Amino acid sequence: MRYLAGVLLALPVVAEPITFNKDIAPIIFHSCAPCHRPGEAAPFPLLTYEEVKSHA
């Protein structure tokens, strides 16, 4: 039984794919969007996937 547990622990962990909506957007909206929106100090908006991608 210990051998099986050791083998299972050695298997790689399969991570979920990273998505913009789930993983990236919350960071951008919290850390960047307060300034990166029309009428604020930053020179370009970062409110959509397309805007963020064009500055990546």
N, C-alpha and C. Protein backbone atom coordinates (compact mmCIF):
# COMPACT_ATOMS: atom_id res chain seq x y z
N MET A 1 0.81 -1.19 0.00
CA MET A 1 0.00 0.00 0.00
C MET A 1 0.86 1.26 0.00
N ARG A 2 1.96 1.26 0.74
CA ARG A 2 2.84 2.43 0.76
C ARG A 2 3.45 2.67 -0.61
N TYR A 3 3.75 1.61 -1.32
CA TYR A 3 4.32 1.75 -2.65
C TYR A 3 3.34 2.48 -3.56
N LEU A 4 2.07 2.11 -3.51
CA LEU A 4 1.05 2.75 -4.34
C LEU A 4 0.93 4.24 -3.98
N ALA A 5 0.95 4.55 -2.70
CA ALA A 5 0.87 5.95 -2.29
C ALA A 5 2.06 6.74 -2.81
N GLY A 6 3.25 6.14 -2.79
CA GLY A 6 4.44 6.81 -3.31
C GLY A 6 4.35 7.05 -4.80
N VAL A 7 3.80 6.10 -5.53
CA VAL A 7 3.63 6.25 -6.97
C VAL A 7 2.63 7.36 -7.27
N LEU A 8 1.52 7.39 -6.55
CA LEU A 8 0.51 8.41 -6.77
C LEU A 8 1.05 9.81 -6.44
N LEU A 9 1.87 9.93 -5.41
CA LEU A 9 2.44 11.22 -5.06
C LEU A 9 3.46 11.68 -6.09
N ALA A 10 4.06 10.77 -6.81
CA ALA A 10 5.07 11.11 -7.80
C ALA A 10 4.47 11.55 -9.13
N LEU A 11 3.18 11.30 -9.33
CA LEU A 11 2.55 11.70 -10.59
C LEU A 11 2.42 13.21 -10.66
N PRO A 12 2.60 13.77 -11.84
CA PRO A 12 2.46 15.22 -11.96
C PRO A 12 1.02 15.67 -11.71
N VAL A 13 0.87 16.84 -11.15
CA VAL A 13 -0.44 17.41 -10.91
C VAL A 13 -0.88 18.12 -12.18
N VAL A 14 -2.08 17.83 -12.62
CA VAL A 14 -2.61 18.46 -13.82
C VAL A 14 -3.31 19.74 -13.41
N ALA A 15 -2.78 20.85 -13.89
CA ALA A 15 -3.34 22.15 -13.55
C ALA A 15 -4.43 22.52 -14.55
N GLU A 16 -5.38 23.31 -14.10
CA GLU A 16 -6.40 23.82 -15.01
C GLU A 16 -5.75 24.86 -15.91
N PRO A 17 -6.24 24.97 -17.14
CA PRO A 17 -5.68 25.99 -18.03
C PRO A 17 -5.98 27.40 -17.50
N ILE A 18 -5.06 28.30 -17.75
CA ILE A 18 -5.24 29.69 -17.34
C ILE A 18 -6.16 30.38 -18.34
N THR A 19 -7.14 31.11 -17.84
CA THR A 19 -8.04 31.86 -18.71
C THR A 19 -8.02 33.33 -18.32
N PHE A 20 -8.35 34.19 -19.28
CA PHE A 20 -8.37 35.61 -19.00
C PHE A 20 -9.43 35.94 -17.96
N ASN A 21 -10.64 35.47 -18.17
CA ASN A 21 -11.75 35.83 -17.27
C ASN A 21 -11.56 35.31 -15.85
N LYS A 22 -11.03 34.13 -15.72
CA LYS A 22 -10.92 33.52 -14.39
C LYS A 22 -9.65 33.95 -13.67
N ASP A 23 -8.54 34.08 -14.38
CA ASP A 23 -7.25 34.27 -13.73
C ASP A 23 -6.63 35.65 -13.92
N ILE A 24 -6.74 36.22 -15.09
CA ILE A 24 -6.05 37.47 -15.40
C ILE A 24 -6.91 38.69 -15.09
N ALA A 25 -8.15 38.68 -15.54
CA ALA A 25 -9.02 39.85 -15.38
C ALA A 25 -9.13 40.32 -13.93
N PRO A 26 -9.30 39.44 -12.95
CA PRO A 26 -9.40 39.95 -11.57
C PRO A 26 -8.15 40.73 -11.13
N ILE A 27 -6.99 40.30 -11.58
CA ILE A 27 -5.75 41.01 -11.23
C ILE A 27 -5.72 42.37 -11.92
N ILE A 28 -6.02 42.38 -13.22
CA ILE A 28 -6.02 43.64 -13.99
C ILE A 28 -7.05 44.61 -13.41
N PHE A 29 -8.26 44.13 -13.15
CA PHE A 29 -9.31 45.01 -12.65
C PHE A 29 -8.97 45.56 -11.27
N HIS A 30 -8.32 44.77 -10.44
CA HIS A 30 -7.96 45.23 -9.09
C HIS A 30 -6.74 46.15 -9.11
N SER A 31 -5.71 45.80 -9.89
CA SER A 31 -4.44 46.50 -9.81
C SER A 31 -4.19 47.54 -10.89
N CYS A 32 -4.87 47.44 -12.02
CA CYS A 32 -4.56 48.33 -13.14
C CYS A 32 -5.72 49.22 -13.57
N ALA A 33 -6.91 48.66 -13.61
CA ALA A 33 -8.06 49.38 -14.16
C ALA A 33 -8.43 50.65 -13.40
N PRO A 34 -8.17 50.78 -12.11
CA PRO A 34 -8.53 52.05 -11.47
C PRO A 34 -7.88 53.27 -12.16
N CYS A 35 -6.68 53.14 -12.67
CA CYS A 35 -6.03 54.23 -13.40
C CYS A 35 -6.16 54.07 -14.91
N HIS A 36 -6.18 52.83 -15.38
CA HIS A 36 -6.25 52.54 -16.82
C HIS A 36 -7.69 52.46 -17.28
N ARG A 37 -8.35 53.60 -17.25
CA ARG A 37 -9.72 53.73 -17.75
C ARG A 37 -9.87 55.15 -18.27
N PRO A 38 -10.81 55.37 -19.16
CA PRO A 38 -10.99 56.72 -19.72
C PRO A 38 -11.21 57.77 -18.61
N GLY A 39 -10.50 58.88 -18.75
CA GLY A 39 -10.65 59.97 -17.80
C GLY A 39 -9.73 59.89 -16.60
N GLU A 40 -8.92 58.85 -16.50
CA GLU A 40 -8.00 58.72 -15.37
C GLU A 40 -6.57 59.00 -15.83
N ALA A 41 -5.59 58.83 -14.97
CA ALA A 41 -4.21 59.25 -15.21
C ALA A 41 -3.47 58.44 -16.28
N ALA A 42 -3.77 57.17 -16.42
CA ALA A 42 -3.02 56.31 -17.34
C ALA A 42 -3.36 56.65 -18.79
N PRO A 43 -2.39 56.46 -19.70
CA PRO A 43 -2.58 56.89 -21.09
C PRO A 43 -3.43 55.97 -21.96
N PHE A 44 -3.79 54.78 -21.48
CA PHE A 44 -4.60 53.86 -22.28
C PHE A 44 -5.45 53.00 -21.35
N PRO A 45 -6.63 52.59 -21.81
CA PRO A 45 -7.50 51.76 -20.97
C PRO A 45 -7.07 50.29 -20.98
N LEU A 46 -7.39 49.61 -19.90
CA LEU A 46 -7.18 48.16 -19.78
C LEU A 46 -8.46 47.56 -19.20
N LEU A 47 -9.53 47.63 -19.98
CA LEU A 47 -10.82 47.16 -19.49
C LEU A 47 -11.33 45.92 -20.21
N THR A 48 -10.74 45.58 -21.35
CA THR A 48 -11.18 44.42 -22.11
C THR A 48 -9.98 43.52 -22.42
N TYR A 49 -10.28 42.30 -22.81
CA TYR A 49 -9.23 41.37 -23.22
C TYR A 49 -8.39 41.97 -24.34
N GLU A 50 -9.03 42.57 -25.32
CA GLU A 50 -8.32 43.12 -26.47
C GLU A 50 -7.36 44.23 -26.05
N GLU A 51 -7.80 45.09 -25.14
CA GLU A 51 -6.93 46.17 -24.66
C GLU A 51 -5.75 45.63 -23.88
N VAL A 52 -5.98 44.67 -23.02
CA VAL A 52 -4.90 44.08 -22.25
C VAL A 52 -3.93 43.35 -23.16
N LYS A 53 -4.44 42.58 -24.10
CA LYS A 53 -3.60 41.81 -25.03
C LYS A 53 -2.72 42.74 -25.85
N SER A 54 -3.24 43.89 -26.28
CA SER A 54 -2.45 44.78 -27.12
C SER A 54 -1.29 45.42 -26.35
N HIS A 55 -1.29 45.36 -25.04
CA HIS A 55 -0.21 45.92 -24.23
C HIS A 55 0.58 44.84 -23.48
N ALA A 56 0.36 43.61 -23.83
CA ALA A 56 1.06 42.51 -23.16
C ALA A 56 2.48 42.36 -23.66
